[in-house]
């Protein structure tokens, strides 16, 4: 099955079972546990609320920890790509890019990267969204989490 062409408008990844179903079930459990504790205070109902809070924290960290690793990998990949693609005068400045800027620049094709890198280093482009919107030809990343 062919993948949909990736661009700024559709590049975010949502996993329905995790983002919608799991989150909705967790909210229902939280409301139910709070209601049970308020209407019939007991150690069991307090423990149920603690369990739901634990599950919420677990769900948060299960998502955030892999994203942190992914950010580190992207940072390394983009620095290596910049060493190969950027002109000599920009290579010494690769360390000046923030992780957030490198994450946004990963969507730029090799031929657009030098100009975008110059603009980022000059302060013309700041955040991820602004950098991504400046990309003319999107370089898809279908492997991210």
Foldseek 3Di string as FASTA:
>chain_A
DDDDDDAPVPQDDDDCVLPPVVVVVLVVQLVVLVVCCVVPNDPVSVVSNVVSVVVVVVSVCVVPVLVVVVLVVLLVVLLVLCVVQEDPVCNVVSVVDDSQRSVLLVQADSVCNRVLSVCVVVVVADGSSRSRVPHDHTRHDPPGD
